[in-house]
Amino acid sequence: MKLLFDECVPRKVKFLFADGGHECETVRDAGFSGKEYGALLALAEGHFDVLVTIDRNIRYQQNMTGRNIAILIIRPASNDMDDIRPHVPNALVALQSLKPGQILEVGILG
């Protein structure tokens, strides 16, 4: 699966997912830096399967109907690697069932 990591996700997180067998790029690596979510999703469609973010508000900012990309939101206590790392196993499992147009959250919910 091809994953695009949002700018708010520490760059090193992509290696945790690459170890899980996924093809990973950051927004910066892809040349999409500074784009608003609507434009970012439009650019990413067709090149990536999932946008991985820690931005909890994206769920309320984007209508995913008809999109050919999914969003995985990791909800750690902070954007520190040590807070994100424990949620990676659940995120890897969640990716197996994620479909285009879906938004799925893992981590600290509620």
C-alpha atoms as a PDB file:
ATOM      1  CA  MET A   1       0.000   0.000   0.000  1.00  0.00           C
ATOM      2  CA  LYS A   2       1.267   3.504  -0.811  1.00  0.00           C
ATOM      3  CA  LEU A   3       1.136   5.840   2.180  1.00  0.00           C
ATOM      4  CA  LEU A   4       1.537   9.616   2.234  1.00  0.00           C
ATOM      5  CA  PHE A   5       2.496  11.117   5.601  1.00  0.00           C
ATOM      6  CA  ASP A   6       1.096  14.531   6.449  1.00  0.00           C
ATOM      7  CA  GLU A   7       3.418  17.385   7.406  1.00  0.00           C
ATOM      8  CA  CYS A   8       2.273  17.199  11.046  1.00  0.00           C
ATOM      9  CA  VAL A   9       3.581  13.627  11.366  1.00  0.00           C
ATOM     10  CA  PRO A  10       7.270  13.305  12.316  1.00  0.00           C
ATOM     11  CA  ARG A  11       9.258  12.245   9.240  1.00  0.00           C
ATOM     12  CA  LYS A  12      10.743   9.167  10.945  1.00  0.00           C
ATOM     13  CA  VAL A  13       7.282   7.626  11.441  1.00  0.00           C
ATOM     14  CA  LYS A  14       7.298   6.582   7.783  1.00  0.00           C
ATOM     15  CA  PHE A  15      10.061   4.071   8.546  1.00  0.00           C
ATOM     16  CA  LEU A  16       7.847   2.295  11.090  1.00  0.00           C
ATOM     17  CA  PHE A  17       5.246   1.748   8.360  1.00  0.00           C
ATOM     18  CA  ALA A  18       7.853   0.860   5.729  1.00  0.00           C
ATOM     19  CA  ASP A  19       9.015  -1.906   8.083  1.00  0.00           C
ATOM     20  CA  GLY A  20       5.414  -3.153   7.898  1.00  0.00           C
ATOM     21  CA  GLY A  21       5.755  -3.583   4.128  1.00  0.00           C
ATOM     22  CA  HIS A  22       4.270  -0.304   2.908  1.00  0.00           C
ATOM     23  CA  GLU A  23       5.631   2.167   0.377  1.00  0.00           C
ATOM     24  CA  CYS A  24       5.957   5.457   2.280  1.00  0.00           C
ATOM     25  CA  GLU A  25       6.561   9.100   1.403  1.00  0.00           C
ATOM     26  CA  THR A  26       6.150  12.324   3.302  1.00  0.00           C
ATOM     27  CA  VAL A  27       4.214  15.272   1.904  1.00  0.00           C
ATOM     28  CA  ARG A  28       7.552  17.052   1.623  1.00  0.00           C
ATOM     29  CA  ASP A  29       9.167  14.132  -0.267  1.00  0.00           C
ATOM     30  CA  ALA A  30       6.238  14.124  -2.698  1.00  0.00           C
ATOM     31  CA  GLY A  31       6.583  17.871  -3.347  1.00  0.00           C
ATOM     32  CA  PHE A  32       3.186  18.704  -1.819  1.00  0.00           C
ATOM     33  CA  SER A  33       4.386  20.890   1.086  1.00  0.00           C
ATOM     34  CA  GLY A  34       2.162  23.744   2.194  1.00  0.00           C
ATOM     35  CA  LYS A  35      -1.004  22.494   0.488  1.00  0.00           C
ATOM     36  CA  GLU A  36      -4.401  22.736   2.183  1.00  0.00           C
ATOM     37  CA  TYR A  37      -6.083  19.360   2.713  1.00  0.00           C
ATOM     38  CA  GLY A  38      -8.482  19.624  -0.235  1.00  0.00           C
ATOM     39  CA  ALA A  39      -5.661  20.358  -2.672  1.00  0.00           C
ATOM     40  CA  LEU A  40      -3.396  17.813  -0.993  1.00  0.00           C
ATOM     41  CA  LEU A  41      -5.964  15.031  -1.324  1.00  0.00           C
ATOM     42  CA  ALA A  42      -6.598  15.931  -4.977  1.00  0.00           C
ATOM     43  CA  LEU A  43      -2.856  15.788  -5.721  1.00  0.00           C
ATOM     44  CA  ALA A  44      -2.376  12.560  -3.768  1.00  0.00           C
ATOM     45  CA  GLU A  45      -5.252  10.646  -5.389  1.00  0.00           C
ATOM     46  CA  GLY A  46      -3.972   8.286  -8.031  1.00  0.00           C
ATOM     47  CA  HIS A  47      -0.500   8.255  -6.486  1.00  0.00           C
ATOM     48  CA  PHE A  48      -1.231   7.157  -2.908  1.00  0.00           C
ATOM     49  CA  ASP A  49      -3.773   4.908  -1.201  1.00  0.00           C
ATOM     50  CA  VAL A  50      -3.823   6.550   2.233  1.00  0.00           C
ATOM     51  CA  LEU A  51      -2.986   9.898   3.820  1.00  0.00           C
ATOM     52  CA  VAL A  52      -1.634   9.297   7.333  1.00  0.00           C
ATOM     53  CA  THR A  53      -2.064  12.214   9.729  1.00  0.00           C
ATOM     54  CA  ILE A  54      -2.315  13.081  13.409  1.00  0.00           C
ATOM     55  CA  ASP A  55      -4.658  16.013  12.700  1.00  0.00           C
ATOM     56  CA  ARG A  56      -7.899  15.069  14.443  1.00  0.00           C
ATOM     57  CA  ASN A  57      -9.817  17.888  12.739  1.00  0.00           C
ATOM     58  CA  ILE A  58      -9.389  16.613   9.183  1.00  0.00           C
ATOM     59  CA  ARG A  59     -12.470  14.428   9.738  1.00  0.00           C
ATOM     60  CA  TYR A  60     -14.592  17.590   9.999  1.00  0.00           C
ATOM     61  CA  GLN A  61     -12.805  19.526   7.255  1.00  0.00           C
ATOM     62  CA  GLN A  62     -13.022  17.086   4.350  1.00  0.00           C
ATOM     63  CA  ASN A  63     -15.870  15.376   2.543  1.00  0.00           C
ATOM     64  CA  MET A  64     -14.425  12.050   1.435  1.00  0.00           C
ATOM     65  CA  THR A  65     -17.398  11.000  -0.704  1.00  0.00           C
ATOM     66  CA  GLY A  66     -16.114   9.872  -4.094  1.00  0.00           C
ATOM     67  CA  ARG A  67     -12.447  10.161  -3.117  1.00  0.00           C
ATOM     68  CA  ASN A  68      -9.993   7.517  -4.318  1.00  0.00           C
ATOM     69  CA  ILE A  69      -7.826   7.902  -1.232  1.00  0.00           C
ATOM     70  CA  ALA A  70      -8.432   7.094   2.435  1.00  0.00           C
ATOM     71  CA  ILE A  71      -7.298   8.875   5.597  1.00  0.00           C
ATOM     72  CA  LEU A  72      -5.794   7.198   8.642  1.00  0.00           C
ATOM     73  CA  ILE A  73      -5.726   9.403  11.735  1.00  0.00           C
ATOM     74  CA  ILE A  74      -3.329   8.351  14.468  1.00  0.00           C
ATOM     75  CA  ARG A  75      -4.346   9.890  17.785  1.00  0.00           C
ATOM     76  CA  PRO A  76      -1.323   9.919  20.108  1.00  0.00           C
ATOM     77  CA  ALA A  77      -0.950  12.003  23.274  1.00  0.00           C
ATOM     78  CA  SER A  78       1.467  14.256  21.322  1.00  0.00           C
ATOM     79  CA  ASN A  79       3.300  14.286  18.000  1.00  0.00           C
ATOM     80  CA  ASP A  80       6.423  12.872  19.661  1.00  0.00           C
ATOM     81  CA  MET A  81       7.752   9.602  18.206  1.00  0.00           C
ATOM     82  CA  ASP A  82       7.550   7.928  21.627  1.00  0.00           C
ATOM     83  CA  ASP A  83       3.819   8.724  21.794  1.00  0.00           C
ATOM     84  CA  ILE A  84       3.122   7.632  18.201  1.00  0.00           C
ATOM     85  CA  ARG A  85       5.115   4.372  18.195  1.00  0.00           C
ATOM     86  CA  PRO A  86       2.709   2.383  20.471  1.00  0.00           C
ATOM     87  CA  HIS A  87      -0.154   3.044  18.027  1.00  0.00           C
ATOM     88  CA  VAL A  88       1.669   1.796  14.924  1.00  0.00           C
ATOM     89  CA  PRO A  89       0.695  -1.904  15.332  1.00  0.00           C
ATOM     90  CA  ASN A  90      -3.011  -0.961  15.473  1.00  0.00           C
ATOM     91  CA  ALA A  91      -2.531   1.418  12.552  1.00  0.00           C
ATOM     92  CA  LEU A  92      -0.955  -1.360  10.479  1.00  0.00           C
ATOM     93  CA  VAL A  93      -3.934  -3.614  11.222  1.00  0.00           C
ATOM     94  CA  ALA A  94      -6.373  -0.799  10.372  1.00  0.00           C
ATOM     95  CA  LEU A  95      -4.729  -0.291   6.981  1.00  0.00           C
ATOM     96  CA  GLN A  96      -5.754  -3.823   5.993  1.00  0.00           C
ATOM     97  CA  SER A  97      -9.447  -2.899   6.029  1.00  0.00           C
ATOM     98  CA  LEU A  98      -9.273   0.756   4.971  1.00  0.00           C
ATOM     99  CA  LYS A  99     -11.113   1.542   1.720  1.00  0.00           C
ATOM    100  CA  PRO A 100     -10.946   4.621  -0.542  1.00  0.00           C
ATOM    101  CA  GLY A 101     -13.122   7.427   0.783  1.00  0.00           C
ATOM    102  CA  GLN A 102     -12.943   6.207   4.385  1.00  0.00           C
ATOM    103  CA  ILE A 103     -11.516   7.963   7.427  1.00  0.00           C
ATOM    104  CA  LEU A 104     -10.354   5.710  10.238  1.00  0.00           C
ATOM    105  CA  GLU A 105      -8.887   6.660  13.612  1.00  0.00           C
ATOM    106  CA  VAL A 106      -6.566   4.668  15.862  1.00  0.00           C
ATOM    107  CA  GLY A 107      -4.991   5.612  19.158  1.00  0.00           C
ATOM    108  CA  ILE A 108      -6.395   7.613  22.049  1.00  0.00           C
ATOM    109  CA  LEU A 109     -10.076   8.014  21.208  1.00  0.00           C
ATOM    110  CA  GLY A 110     -12.628  10.056  23.051  1.00  0.00           C
END
